[in-house]
PDB file of N, CA and C in Angstrom:
ATOM      1  N   MET A   1      14.289  -5.746 -13.336  1.00  0.00           N
ATOM      2  CA  MET A   1      13.049  -7.062 -14.254  1.00  0.00           C
ATOM      3  C   MET A   1      13.822  -8.393 -13.839  1.00  0.00           C
ATOM      4  N   ASP A   2      14.708  -8.483 -13.805  1.00  0.00           N
ATOM      5  CA  ASP A   2      15.143 -10.312 -13.379  1.00  0.00           C
ATOM      6  C   ASP A   2      14.559 -10.880 -12.427  1.00  0.00           C
ATOM      7  N   ALA A   3      14.276 -10.202 -11.188  1.00  0.00           N
ATOM      8  CA  ALA A   3      13.791 -10.713  -9.831  1.00  0.00           C
ATOM      9  C   ALA A   3      12.304 -11.204 -10.489  1.00  0.00           C
ATOM     10  N   VAL A   4      11.784  -9.948 -11.321  1.00  0.00           N
ATOM     11  CA  VAL A   4      10.178 -10.445 -12.117  1.00  0.00           C
ATOM     12  C   VAL A   4       9.936 -11.623 -12.794  1.00  0.00           C
ATOM     13  N   THR A   5      11.187 -11.577 -13.965  1.00  0.00           N
ATOM     14  CA  THR A   5      11.007 -12.781 -14.628  1.00  0.00           C
ATOM     15  C   THR A   5      11.373 -14.250 -13.593  1.00  0.00           C
ATOM     16  N   SER A   6      12.139 -14.434 -12.861  1.00  0.00           N
ATOM     17  CA  SER A   6      12.144 -15.296 -11.846  1.00  0.00           C
ATOM     18  C   SER A   6      11.243 -15.601 -11.043  1.00  0.00           C
ATOM     19  N   ILE A   7      10.267 -14.589 -10.835  1.00  0.00           N
ATOM     20  CA  ILE A   7       8.827 -15.055  -9.927  1.00  0.00           C
ATOM     21  C   ILE A   7       7.722 -15.258 -10.488  1.00  0.00           C
ATOM     22  N   VAL A   8       7.769 -15.210 -12.411  1.00  0.00           N
ATOM     23  CA  VAL A   8       6.739 -15.395 -13.560  1.00  0.00           C
ATOM     24  C   VAL A   8       7.217 -16.770 -13.337  1.00  0.00           C
ATOM     25  N   THR A   9       8.379 -16.831 -14.052  1.00  0.00           N
ATOM     26  CA  THR A   9       8.635 -18.198 -14.546  1.00  0.00           C
ATOM     27  C   THR A   9       8.508 -19.326 -13.381  1.00  0.00           C
ATOM     28  N   ASN A  10       8.510 -19.161 -12.049  1.00  0.00           N
ATOM     29  CA  ASN A  10       8.383 -20.069 -11.098  1.00  0.00           C
ATOM     30  C   ASN A  10       6.680 -19.891 -10.850  1.00  0.00           C
ATOM     31  N   LEU A  11       5.733 -19.685 -11.485  1.00  0.00           N
ATOM     32  CA  LEU A  11       4.059 -19.585 -11.533  1.00  0.00           C
ATOM     33  C   LEU A  11       3.659 -20.600 -11.924  1.00  0.00           C
ATOM     34  N   PRO A  12       3.006 -21.248 -11.201  1.00  0.00           N
ATOM     35  CA  PRO A  12       2.418 -22.770 -12.187  1.00  0.00           C
ATOM     36  C   PRO A  12       1.387 -21.681 -13.093  1.00  0.00           C
ATOM     37  N   HIS A  13       1.541 -23.310 -14.579  1.00  0.00           N
ATOM     38  CA  HIS A  13       1.224 -22.704 -15.224  1.00  0.00           C
ATOM     39  C   HIS A  13       1.318 -21.616 -16.629  1.00  0.00           C
ATOM     40  N   THR A  14       2.640 -20.857 -16.252  1.00  0.00           N
ATOM     41  CA  THR A  14       2.972 -20.142 -16.904  1.00  0.00           C
ATOM     42  C   THR A  14       4.242 -20.227 -18.197  1.00  0.00           C
ATOM     43  N   THR A  15       4.328 -19.203 -19.535  1.00  0.00           N
ATOM     44  CA  THR A  15       5.717 -19.804 -20.042  1.00  0.00           C
ATOM     45  C   THR A  15       6.451 -18.701 -19.629  1.00  0.00           C
ATOM     46  N   ALA A  16       8.076 -19.172 -19.548  1.00  0.00           N
ATOM     47  CA  ALA A  16       8.859 -18.011 -19.449  1.00  0.00           C
ATOM     48  C   ALA A  16       9.219 -16.664 -20.389  1.00  0.00           C
ATOM     49  N   GLU A  17       9.333 -15.835 -19.718  1.00  0.00           N
ATOM     50  CA  GLU A  17       9.155 -14.413 -20.956  1.00  0.00           C
ATOM     51  C   GLU A  17       9.494 -13.553 -20.167  1.00  0.00           C
ATOM     52  N   THR A  18      10.118 -11.812 -20.656  1.00  0.00           N
ATOM     53  CA  THR A  18      10.494 -11.338 -20.275  1.00  0.00           C
ATOM     54  C   THR A  18       9.340 -10.199 -20.418  1.00  0.00           C
ATOM     55  N   LEU A  19       9.110  -9.672 -18.937  1.00  0.00           N
ATOM     56  CA  LEU A  19       7.841  -9.013 -19.032  1.00  0.00           C
ATOM     57  C   LEU A  19       8.291  -7.305 -19.516  1.00  0.00           C
ATOM     58  N   ASP A  20       7.293  -6.343 -20.087  1.00  0.00           N
ATOM     59  CA  ASP A  20       7.394  -4.909 -20.366  1.00  0.00           C
ATOM     60  C   ASP A  20       7.642  -4.754 -18.850  1.00  0.00           C
ATOM     61  N   ALA A  21       8.233  -3.173 -18.594  1.00  0.00           N
ATOM     62  CA  ALA A  21       8.015  -2.686 -17.627  1.00  0.00           C
ATOM     63  C   ALA A  21       6.314  -2.168 -16.800  1.00  0.00           C
ATOM     64  N   GLU A  22       5.280  -2.045 -17.416  1.00  0.00           N
ATOM     65  CA  GLU A  22       4.491  -1.328 -17.529  1.00  0.00           C
ATOM     66  C   GLU A  22       3.823  -2.752 -16.998  1.00  0.00           C
ATOM     67  N   SER A  23       3.833  -3.997 -17.661  1.00  0.00           N
ATOM     68  CA  SER A  23       3.734  -5.143 -17.252  1.00  0.00           C
ATOM     69  C   SER A  23       4.120  -5.709 -15.792  1.00  0.00           C
ATOM     70  N   ALA A  24       5.181  -5.645 -15.686  1.00  0.00           N
ATOM     71  CA  ALA A  24       5.926  -5.935 -14.380  1.00  0.00           C
ATOM     72  C   ALA A  24       5.424  -5.171 -13.364  1.00  0.00           C
ATOM     73  N   ARG A  25       5.311  -3.854 -13.338  1.00  0.00           N
ATOM     74  CA  ARG A  25       4.620  -2.748 -12.607  1.00  0.00           C
ATOM     75  C   ARG A  25       3.559  -3.715 -12.000  1.00  0.00           C
ATOM     76  N   THR A  26       2.571  -3.697 -13.180  1.00  0.00           N
ATOM     77  CA  THR A  26       1.154  -4.306 -12.684  1.00  0.00           C
ATOM     78  C   THR A  26       1.152  -5.331 -11.780  1.00  0.00           C
ATOM     79  N   PHE A  27       2.414  -6.400 -12.448  1.00  0.00           N
ATOM     80  CA  PHE A  27       1.744  -7.520 -11.597  1.00  0.00           C
ATOM     81  C   PHE A  27       2.705  -7.618 -10.320  1.00  0.00           C
ATOM     82  N   LEU A  28       3.367  -6.699  -9.719  1.00  0.00           N
ATOM     83  CA  LEU A  28       3.953  -6.279  -9.020  1.00  0.00           C
ATOM     84  C   LEU A  28       3.125  -5.822  -7.517  1.00  0.00           C
ATOM     85  N   ALA A  29       2.120  -4.867  -8.332  1.00  0.00           N
ATOM     86  CA  ALA A  29       1.074  -4.003  -7.524  1.00  0.00           C
ATOM     87  C   ALA A  29       0.441  -5.048  -7.142  1.00  0.00           C
ATOM     88  N   GLN A  30      -0.480  -6.025  -7.952  1.00  0.00           N
ATOM     89  CA  GLN A  30      -1.144  -6.728  -7.861  1.00  0.00           C
ATOM     90  C   GLN A  30      -0.934  -7.938  -6.734  1.00  0.00           C
ATOM     91  N   LEU A  31       0.442  -8.133  -6.458  1.00  0.00           N
ATOM     92  CA  LEU A  31       0.747  -9.134  -5.261  1.00  0.00           C
ATOM     93  C   LEU A  31       0.912  -8.384  -4.218  1.00  0.00           C
ATOM     94  N   VAL A  32       1.153  -7.007  -4.324  1.00  0.00           N
ATOM     95  CA  VAL A  32       1.556  -6.267  -3.316  1.00  0.00           C
ATOM     96  C   VAL A  32      -0.282  -5.907  -2.268  1.00  0.00           C
ATOM     97  N   LEU A  33      -1.089  -6.148  -3.041  1.00  0.00           N
ATOM     98  CA  LEU A  33      -2.484  -5.732  -3.183  1.00  0.00           C
ATOM     99  C   LEU A  33      -2.586  -7.597  -2.497  1.00  0.00           C
ATOM    100  N   GLU A  34      -2.637  -8.472  -2.906  1.00  0.00           N
ATOM    101  CA  GLU A  34      -3.133  -9.456  -2.340  1.00  0.00           C
ATOM    102  C   GLU A  34      -2.439  -9.300  -0.959  1.00  0.00           C
ATOM    103  N   ARG A  35      -1.258  -9.541  -0.589  1.00  0.00           N
ATOM    104  CA  ARG A  35      -0.670  -9.828   0.423  1.00  0.00           C
ATOM    105  C   ARG A  35      -1.127  -8.803   1.188  1.00  0.00           C
ATOM    106  N   LEU A  36      -1.412  -7.316   0.706  1.00  0.00           N
ATOM    107  CA  LEU A  36      -2.522  -6.380   1.626  1.00  0.00           C
ATOM    108  C   LEU A  36      -3.638  -6.768   2.318  1.00  0.00           C
ATOM    109  N   LYS A  37      -4.114  -7.567   1.074  1.00  0.00           N
ATOM    110  CA  LYS A  37      -5.419  -7.792   1.553  1.00  0.00           C
ATOM    111  C   LYS A  37      -6.266  -9.179   2.605  1.00  0.00           C
ATOM    112  N   ARG A  38      -4.542  -9.702   2.995  1.00  0.00           N
ATOM    113  CA  ARG A  38      -4.395 -11.168   3.539  1.00  0.00           C
ATOM    114  C   ARG A  38      -4.173 -10.359   5.093  1.00  0.00           C
ATOM    115  N   GLU A  39      -3.350  -9.579   5.105  1.00  0.00           N
ATOM    116  CA  GLU A  39      -2.676  -8.967   6.184  1.00  0.00           C
ATOM    117  C   GLU A  39      -3.737  -7.683   7.198  1.00  0.00           C
ATOM    118  N   LEU A  40      -4.343  -6.857   5.926  1.00  0.00           N
ATOM    119  CA  LEU A  40      -5.282  -5.508   7.023  1.00  0.00           C
ATOM    120  C   LEU A  40      -6.434  -6.029   6.730  1.00  0.00           C
ATOM    121  N   THR A  41      -6.904  -4.967   7.673  1.00  0.00           N
ATOM    122  CA  THR A  41      -8.422  -4.799   8.484  1.00  0.00           C
ATOM    123  C   THR A  41      -8.992  -4.130   7.294  1.00  0.00           C
ATOM    124  N   ARG A  42     -10.117  -3.827   7.183  1.00  0.00           N
ATOM    125  CA  ARG A  42     -10.713  -3.036   5.958  1.00  0.00           C
ATOM    126  C   ARG A  42     -10.293  -1.740   6.394  1.00  0.00           C
ATOM    127  N   ARG A  43     -10.369  -0.886   7.560  1.00  0.00           N
ATOM    128  CA  ARG A  43      -9.546   0.277   8.004  1.00  0.00           C
ATOM    129  C   ARG A  43      -8.931   0.565   8.058  1.00  0.00           C
ATOM    130  N   GLU A  44      -7.665  -0.257   8.342  1.00  0.00           N
ATOM    131  CA  GLU A  44      -6.251  -0.488   7.996  1.00  0.00           C
ATOM    132  C   GLU A  44      -5.628   0.249   6.542  1.00  0.00           C
ATOM    133  N   TRP A  45      -6.520  -0.866   5.572  1.00  0.00           N
ATOM    134  CA  TRP A  45      -6.486  -0.753   4.389  1.00  0.00           C
ATOM    135  C   TRP A  45      -6.929   1.054   3.604  1.00  0.00           C
ATOM    136  N   ASP A  46      -8.198   1.566   4.260  1.00  0.00           N
ATOM    137  CA  ASP A  46      -8.233   2.842   3.962  1.00  0.00           C
ATOM    138  C   ASP A  46      -7.391   3.787   4.448  1.00  0.00           C
ATOM    139  N   VAL A  47      -6.429   3.376   5.819  1.00  0.00           N
ATOM    140  CA  VAL A  47      -5.392   4.228   6.123  1.00  0.00           C
ATOM    141  C   VAL A  47      -4.355   4.373   5.354  1.00  0.00           C
ATOM    142  N   LEU A  48      -3.869   2.946   4.655  1.00  0.00           N
ATOM    143  CA  LEU A  48      -2.940   2.903   3.986  1.00  0.00           C
ATOM    144  C   LEU A  48      -3.204   3.326   2.320  1.00  0.00           C
ATOM    145  N   ARG A  49      -4.142   3.076   1.824  1.00  0.00           N
ATOM    146  CA  ARG A  49      -4.247   3.324   0.762  1.00  0.00           C
ATOM    147  C   ARG A  49      -4.293   5.255   0.219  1.00  0.00           C
ATOM    148  N   GLU A  50      -4.938   5.777   1.486  1.00  0.00           N
ATOM    149  CA  GLU A  50      -4.522   7.076   1.522  1.00  0.00           C
ATOM    150  C   GLU A  50      -3.571   7.798   1.694  1.00  0.00           C
ATOM    151  N   ALA A  51      -2.538   7.065   2.737  1.00  0.00           N
ATOM    152  CA  ALA A  51      -0.858   7.350   2.898  1.00  0.00           C
ATOM    153  C   ALA A  51      -0.399   7.388   1.455  1.00  0.00           C
ATOM    154  N   VAL A  52      -1.031   6.108   0.375  1.00  0.00           N
ATOM    155  CA  VAL A  52      -0.498   6.011  -0.841  1.00  0.00           C
ATOM    156  C   VAL A  52      -0.562   6.906  -1.513  1.00  0.00           C
ATOM    157  N   HIS A  53      -1.771   7.777  -1.161  1.00  0.00           N
ATOM    158  CA  HIS A  53      -2.557   8.709  -2.207  1.00  0.00           C
ATOM    159  C   HIS A  53      -1.547  10.071  -1.919  1.00  0.00           C
ATOM    160  N   LEU A  54      -1.378  10.025  -0.801  1.00  0.00           N
ATOM    161  CA  LEU A  54      -1.109  11.730   0.167  1.00  0.00           C
ATOM    162  C   LEU A  54       0.278  11.940  -0.185  1.00  0.00           C
ATOM    163  N   GLY A  55       1.063  10.642  -0.161  1.00  0.00           N
ATOM    164  CA  GLY A  55       2.653  10.680   0.256  1.00  0.00           C
ATOM    165  C   GLY A  55       2.973  11.067   1.179  1.00  0.00           C
ATOM    166  N   THR A  56       3.419  12.024   1.552  1.00  0.00           N
ATOM    167  CA  THR A  56       4.278  12.854   2.875  1.00  0.00           C
ATOM    168  C   THR A  56       2.775  13.008   3.987  1.00  0.00           C
ATOM    169  N   PHE A  57       2.730  12.770   4.711  1.00  0.00           N
ATOM    170  CA  PHE A  57       1.195  13.486   5.165  1.00  0.00           C
ATOM    171  C   PHE A  57       1.344  12.497   7.036  1.00  0.00           C
ATOM    172  N   THR A  58       0.127  13.637   7.506  1.00  0.00           N
ATOM    173  CA  THR A  58       0.102  13.232   8.842  1.00  0.00           C
ATOM    174  C   THR A  58      -1.164  13.011   9.086  1.00  0.00           C
ATOM    175  N   ASN A  59      -1.212  12.562  10.676  1.00  0.00           N
ATOM    176  CA  ASN A  59      -2.285  11.813  11.408  1.00  0.00           C
ATOM    177  C   ASN A  59      -3.670  12.726  10.967  1.00  0.00           C
ATOM    178  N   ALA A  60      -3.439  13.704  11.022  1.00  0.00           N
ATOM    179  CA  ALA A  60      -4.257  14.821  10.979  1.00  0.00           C
ATOM    180  C   ALA A  60      -4.810  14.674   9.352  1.00  0.00           C
ATOM    181  N   ALA A  61      -4.040  14.842   8.902  1.00  0.00           N
ATOM    182  CA  ALA A  61      -4.071  14.868   7.232  1.00  0.00           C
ATOM    183  C   ALA A  61      -5.090  13.474   6.916  1.00  0.00           C
ATOM    184  N   ILE A  62      -4.698  12.469   7.363  1.00  0.00           N
ATOM    185  CA  ILE A  62      -5.391  11.415   6.840  1.00  0.00           C
ATOM    186  C   ILE A  62      -6.828  11.364   8.061  1.00  0.00           C
ATOM    187  N   ALA A  63      -6.919  11.117   9.106  1.00  0.00           N
ATOM    188  CA  ALA A  63      -7.827  11.535   9.410  1.00  0.00           C
ATOM    189  C   ALA A  63      -9.039  12.604   9.230  1.00  0.00           C
ATOM    190  N   ARG A  64      -8.598  13.944   8.410  1.00  0.00           N
ATOM    191  CA  ARG A  64      -9.524  14.864   7.459  1.00  0.00           C
ATOM    192  C   ARG A  64     -10.120  14.049   6.042  1.00  0.00           C
ATOM    193  N   THR A  65      -9.090  13.220   5.565  1.00  0.00           N
ATOM    194  CA  THR A  65      -9.205  12.430   4.552  1.00  0.00           C
ATOM    195  C   THR A  65     -10.356  11.938   4.483  1.00  0.00           C
ATOM    196  N   LEU A  66     -10.097  11.106   5.364  1.00  0.00           N
ATOM    197  CA  LEU A  66     -11.448   9.784   6.088  1.00  0.00           C
ATOM    198  C   LEU A  66     -12.599  10.326   6.694  1.00  0.00           C
ATOM    199  N   LYS A  67     -12.431  11.155   7.261  1.00  0.00           N
ATOM    200  CA  LYS A  67     -13.479  11.763   8.126  1.00  0.00           C
ATOM    201  C   LYS A  67     -13.438  10.698   9.481  1.00  0.00           C
ATOM    202  N   ALA A  68     -12.464  10.837  10.202  1.00  0.00           N
ATOM    203  CA  ALA A  68     -12.372   9.754  10.898  1.00  0.00           C
ATOM    204  C   ALA A  68     -11.584  10.754  12.120  1.00  0.00           C
ATOM    205  N   LYS A  69     -11.740  10.270  13.486  1.00  0.00           N
ATOM    206  CA  LYS A  69     -11.200  10.759  14.749  1.00  0.00           C
ATOM    207  C   LYS A  69      -9.631  10.864  14.668  1.00  0.00           C
ATOM    208  N   PRO A  70      -8.780  11.297  14.962  1.00  0.00           N
ATOM    209  CA  PRO A  70      -7.457  11.276  15.021  1.00  0.00           C
ATOM    210  C   PRO A  70      -6.898  10.479  15.857  1.00  0.00           C
ATOM    211  N   PRO A  71      -7.568  10.195  17.318  1.00  0.00           N
ATOM    212  CA  PRO A  71      -7.102   8.843  18.311  1.00  0.00           C
ATOM    213  C   PRO A  71      -7.140   7.464  17.405  1.00  0.00           C
ATOM    214  N   ASN A  72      -8.294   7.245  16.592  1.00  0.00           N
ATOM    215  CA  ASN A  72      -8.703   6.052  15.607  1.00  0.00           C
ATOM    216  C   ASN A  72      -7.419   5.962  14.228  1.00  0.00           C
ATOM    217  N   VAL A  73      -7.199   6.637  14.279  1.00  0.00           N
ATOM    218  CA  VAL A  73      -6.192   7.178  12.731  1.00  0.00           C
ATOM    219  C   VAL A  73      -4.659   6.319  13.886  1.00  0.00           C
ATOM    220  N   THR A  74      -4.632   6.845  15.007  1.00  0.00           N
ATOM    221  CA  THR A  74      -3.596   7.123  15.540  1.00  0.00           C
ATOM    222  C   THR A  74      -3.230   5.176  15.814  1.00  0.00           C
ATOM    223  N   LYS A  75      -4.284   4.757  15.816  1.00  0.00           N
ATOM    224  CA  LYS A  75      -4.266   3.310  16.255  1.00  0.00           C
ATOM    225  C   LYS A  75      -4.001   2.260  14.587  1.00  0.00           C
ATOM    226  N   TYR A  76      -4.481   2.798  13.823  1.00  0.00           N
ATOM    227  CA  TYR A  76      -4.283   1.961  12.341  1.00  0.00           C
ATOM    228  C   TYR A  76      -3.156   2.505  11.868  1.00  0.00           C
ATOM    229  N   LEU A  77      -2.489   3.502  12.249  1.00  0.00           N
ATOM    230  CA  LEU A  77      -0.889   4.228  11.832  1.00  0.00           C
ATOM    231  C   LEU A  77      -0.118   3.277  12.729  1.00  0.00           C
ATOM    232  N   ASN A  78      -0.128   3.269  13.623  1.00  0.00           N
ATOM    233  CA  ASN A  78       0.709   2.451  14.706  1.00  0.00           C
ATOM    234  C   ASN A  78       0.774   0.898  14.024  1.00  0.00           C
ATOM    235  N   THR A  79      -0.662   0.312  13.398  1.00  0.00           N
ATOM    236  CA  THR A  79      -0.179  -1.166  13.442  1.00  0.00           C
ATOM    237  C   THR A  79       0.391  -1.157  11.700  1.00  0.00           C
ATOM    238  N   LEU A  80      -0.205  -0.373  10.981  1.00  0.00           N
ATOM    239  CA  LEU A  80       1.297  -0.092   9.736  1.00  0.00           C
ATOM    240  C   LEU A  80       2.413   0.146  10.160  1.00  0.00           C
ATOM    241  N   LEU A  81       2.610   1.141  11.017  1.00  0.00           N
ATOM    242  CA  LEU A  81       4.438   1.469  11.330  1.00  0.00           C
ATOM    243  C   LEU A  81       5.116  -0.642  11.986  1.00  0.00           C
ATOM    244  N   GLU A  82       3.884  -0.952  12.889  1.00  0.00           N
ATOM    245  CA  GLU A  82       4.606  -2.011  13.174  1.00  0.00           C
ATOM    246  C   GLU A  82       4.973  -3.028  12.156  1.00  0.00           C
ATOM    247  N   ARG A  83       3.963  -3.216  10.949  1.00  0.00           N
ATOM    248  CA  ARG A  83       3.910  -3.860  10.283  1.00  0.00           C
ATOM    249  C   ARG A  83       4.846  -3.289   9.075  1.00  0.00           C
ATOM    250  N   ARG A  84       5.504  -1.709   8.851  1.00  0.00           N
ATOM    251  CA  ARG A  84       6.447  -1.155   8.451  1.00  0.00           C
ATOM    252  C   ARG A  84       5.847  -1.177   6.965  1.00  0.00           C
ATOM    253  N   PHE A  85       4.607  -1.356   6.858  1.00  0.00           N
ATOM    254  CA  PHE A  85       4.104  -0.831   6.053  1.00  0.00           C
ATOM    255  C   PHE A  85       4.359   1.163   5.346  1.00  0.00           C
ATOM    256  N   VAL A  86       4.188   2.138   6.982  1.00  0.00           N
ATOM    257  CA  VAL A  86       4.363   3.223   6.703  1.00  0.00           C
ATOM    258  C   VAL A  86       5.595   3.027   7.459  1.00  0.00           C
ATOM    259  N   TYR A  87       6.171   4.769   7.059  1.00  0.00           N
ATOM    260  CA  TYR A  87       7.456   4.850   8.427  1.00  0.00           C
ATOM    261  C   TYR A  87       7.830   6.276   8.730  1.00  0.00           C
ATOM    262  N   THR A  88       8.136   7.004   9.890  1.00  0.00           N
ATOM    263  CA  THR A  88       7.891   7.919  10.440  1.00  0.00           C
ATOM    264  C   THR A  88       9.359   8.827   9.430  1.00  0.00           C
ATOM    265  N   HIS A  89       8.878   9.863   8.547  1.00  0.00           N
ATOM    266  CA  HIS A  89       9.387  10.685   7.295  1.00  0.00           C
ATOM    267  C   HIS A  89      10.331  11.577   8.482  1.00  0.00           C
ATOM    268  N   HIS A  90       9.540  12.434   9.129  1.00  0.00           N
ATOM    269  CA  HIS A  90      10.406  13.679   9.375  1.00  0.00           C
ATOM    270  C   HIS A  90       9.536  14.072  10.597  1.00  0.00           C
ATOM    271  N   ARG A  91      10.018  15.109  11.681  1.00  0.00           N
ATOM    272  CA  ARG A  91       9.210  15.789  12.398  1.00  0.00           C
ATOM    273  C   ARG A  91       9.034  17.344  12.139  1.00  0.00           C
ATOM    274  N   GLU A  92       8.501  17.984  12.189  1.00  0.00           N
ATOM    275  CA  GLU A  92       8.346  19.912  12.460  1.00  0.00           C
ATOM    276  C   GLU A  92       7.304  19.522  13.714  1.00  0.00           C
ATOM    277  N   GLY A  93       8.240  20.210  14.573  1.00  0.00           N
ATOM    278  CA  GLY A  93       7.655  20.781  16.047  1.00  0.00           C
ATOM    279  C   GLY A  93       7.247  19.240  16.561  1.00  0.00           C
ATOM    280  N   ARG A  94       5.052  19.691  16.797  1.00  0.00           N
ATOM    281  CA  ARG A  94       5.022  18.209  17.294  1.00  0.00           C
ATOM    282  C   ARG A  94       4.471  17.709  16.398  1.00  0.00           C
ATOM    283  N   GLN A  95       4.449  18.045  14.984  1.00  0.00           N
ATOM    284  CA  GLN A  95       3.630  17.090  13.834  1.00  0.00           C
ATOM    285  C   GLN A  95       4.674  16.062  13.612  1.00  0.00           C
ATOM    286  N   ILE A  96       4.102  14.779  13.436  1.00  0.00           N
ATOM    287  CA  ILE A  96       4.907  13.720  12.586  1.00  0.00           C
ATOM    288  C   ILE A  96       4.303  13.796  11.605  1.00  0.00           C
ATOM    289  N   PHE A  97       5.303  13.577  10.584  1.00  0.00           N
ATOM    290  CA  PHE A  97       4.940  13.016   9.285  1.00  0.00           C
ATOM    291  C   PHE A  97       5.221  11.437   8.617  1.00  0.00           C
ATOM    292  N   TYR A  98       4.838  10.957   8.103  1.00  0.00           N
ATOM    293  CA  TYR A  98       4.603  10.156   7.302  1.00  0.00           C
ATOM    294  C   TYR A  98       4.952   9.416   6.102  1.00  0.00           C
ATOM    295  N   ARG A  99       5.059   8.081   5.547  1.00  0.00           N
ATOM    296  CA  ARG A  99       5.343   8.114   4.016  1.00  0.00           C
ATOM    297  C   ARG A  99       4.688   6.369   4.196  1.00  0.00           C
ATOM    298  N   ALA A 100       4.275   5.982   3.453  1.00  0.00           N
ATOM    299  CA  ALA A 100       4.104   4.955   3.043  1.00  0.00           C
ATOM    300  C   ALA A 100       5.389   4.338   1.922  1.00  0.00           C
ATOM    301  N   SER A 101       5.629   2.813   2.914  1.00  0.00           N
ATOM    302  CA  SER A 101       6.851   2.278   2.446  1.00  0.00           C
ATOM    303  C   SER A 101       7.154   2.248   0.553  1.00  0.00           C
ATOM    304  N   GLU A 102       8.253   1.617   0.500  1.00  0.00           N
ATOM    305  CA  GLU A 102       8.228   1.743  -1.045  1.00  0.00           C
ATOM    306  C   GLU A 102       7.991   0.722  -1.603  1.00  0.00           C
ATOM    307  N   ASP A 103       7.730  -0.813  -0.699  1.00  0.00           N
ATOM    308  CA  ASP A 103       7.150  -1.868  -1.352  1.00  0.00           C
ATOM    309  C   ASP A 103       5.463  -1.647  -1.299  1.00  0.00           C
ATOM    310  N   VAL A 104       4.974  -0.852  -0.619  1.00  0.00           N
ATOM    311  CA  VAL A 104       3.514  -0.731  -0.518  1.00  0.00           C
ATOM    312  C   VAL A 104       3.061   0.481  -1.651  1.00  0.00           C
ATOM    313  N   ARG A 105       3.911   1.167  -2.276  1.00  0.00           N
ATOM    314  CA  ARG A 105       3.612   2.516  -2.843  1.00  0.00           C
ATOM    315  C   ARG A 105       3.431   2.262  -4.497  1.00  0.00           C
ATOM    316  N   ILE A 106       3.805   0.698  -4.824  1.00  0.00           N
ATOM    317  CA  ILE A 106       3.453   0.515  -5.844  1.00  0.00           C
ATOM    318  C   ILE A 106       2.105   0.500  -6.391  1.00  0.00           C
ATOM    319  N   ILE A 107       1.231   0.191  -5.075  1.00  0.00           N
ATOM    320  CA  ILE A 107      -0.330   0.143  -5.321  1.00  0.00           C
ATOM    321  C   ILE A 107      -1.342   1.417  -5.811  1.00  0.00           C
ATOM    322  N   ARG A 108      -0.125   2.239  -6.124  1.00  0.00           N
ATOM    323  CA  ARG A 108      -0.830   3.777  -6.417  1.00  0.00           C
ATOM    324  C   ARG A 108      -1.079   3.763  -8.215  1.00  0.00           C
ATOM    325  N   ASP A 109      -0.189   2.527  -8.718  1.00  0.00           N
ATOM    326  CA  ASP A 109      -0.190   2.317 -10.556  1.00  0.00           C
ATOM    327  C   ASP A 109      -1.593   1.441 -10.544  1.00  0.00           C
ATOM    328  N   LEU A 110      -2.024   0.832  -9.521  1.00  0.00           N
ATOM    329  CA  LEU A 110      -2.739  -0.147 -10.350  1.00  0.00           C
ATOM    330  C   LEU A 110      -4.520   1.018 -10.392  1.00  0.00           C
ATOM    331  N   PRO A 111      -5.039   0.287 -11.748  1.00  0.00           N
ATOM    332  CA  PRO A 111      -6.251   1.090 -11.576  1.00  0.00           C
ATOM    333  C   PRO A 111      -7.396   1.044 -10.684  1.00  0.00           C
ATOM    334  N   GLU A 112      -7.938   1.803 -10.120  1.00  0.00           N
ATOM    335  CA  GLU A 112      -9.110   1.868  -8.945  1.00  0.00           C
ATOM    336  C   GLU A 112      -9.862   1.055  -9.266  1.00  0.00           C
ATOM    337  N   SER A 113     -10.245   0.126 -10.236  1.00  0.00           N
ATOM    338  CA  SER A 113     -10.893  -0.979 -10.592  1.00  0.00           C
ATOM    339  C   SER A 113     -10.508  -2.247  -9.358  1.00  0.00           C
ATOM    340  N   ALA A 114      -9.052  -2.273  -9.524  1.00  0.00           N
ATOM    341  CA  ALA A 114      -8.156  -2.832  -9.224  1.00  0.00           C
ATOM    342  C   ALA A 114      -7.827  -2.480  -7.231  1.00  0.00           C
ATOM    343  N   GLU A 115      -8.551  -2.121  -6.873  1.00  0.00           N
ATOM    344  CA  GLU A 115      -8.089  -1.317  -5.609  1.00  0.00           C
ATOM    345  C   GLU A 115      -9.566  -1.628  -5.085  1.00  0.00           C
ATOM    346  N   SER A 116     -10.532  -1.606  -5.761  1.00  0.00           N
ATOM    347  CA  SER A 116     -12.115  -1.806  -5.280  1.00  0.00           C
ATOM    348  C   SER A 116     -12.250  -3.778  -4.640  1.00  0.00           C
ATOM    349  N   LEU A 117     -11.040  -3.999  -5.375  1.00  0.00           N
ATOM    350  CA  LEU A 117     -10.904  -5.661  -5.119  1.00  0.00           C
ATOM    351  C   LEU A 117     -11.481  -6.095  -3.035  1.00  0.00           C
ATOM    352  N   PHE A 118     -10.436  -5.066  -2.927  1.00  0.00           N
ATOM    353  CA  PHE A 118     -10.191  -4.912  -1.336  1.00  0.00           C
ATOM    354  C   PHE A 118     -11.204  -4.902  -0.739  1.00  0.00           C
ATOM    355  N   SER A 119     -12.088  -4.183  -1.194  1.00  0.00           N
ATOM    356  CA  SER A 119     -13.714  -3.826  -0.819  1.00  0.00           C
ATOM    357  C   SER A 119     -14.388  -5.613  -0.751  1.00  0.00           C
ATOM    358  N   SER A 120     -14.375  -6.043  -1.904  1.00  0.00           N
ATOM    359  CA  SER A 120     -15.611  -7.031  -2.091  1.00  0.00           C
ATOM    360  C   SER A 120     -14.636  -8.391  -1.140  1.00  0.00           C
ATOM    361  N   SER A 121     -13.815  -8.406  -0.369  1.00  0.00           N
ATOM    362  CA  SER A 121     -13.356  -9.198   0.310  1.00  0.00           C
ATOM    363  C   SER A 121     -13.245  -8.968   1.548  1.00  0.00           C
ATOM    364  N   ALA A 122     -13.252  -7.644   2.127  1.00  0.00           N
ATOM    365  CA  ALA A 122     -13.157  -7.325   3.669  1.00  0.00           C
ATOM    366  C   ALA A 122     -14.402  -7.457   4.290  1.00  0.00           C
TER     367      ALA A 122
END
């Protein structure tokens, strides 16, 4: 929590105080969401959001969930891999399983209404 307190105390127009765990998680999730809004396209966001919700996933699982073609999902996954938003978790035969990186998995703690903010600005 020291890192969160440090961030909060350096924000303009705030008073220094210690955040409770839930407030800190929400605050960090909002910071991550703002970063993702700047760096991802709408479709990359859709893939990442599903990745976070699924936990460990394959390209085919994301494609089924989003009703998209696997080659298109592969393109978005490659972008997310390059930006280190997802990583290869393990392989089983020809299947590659992925996971969202720890720093973006925090968005699962956001309420649905906060996640929808992405769609209004994309």
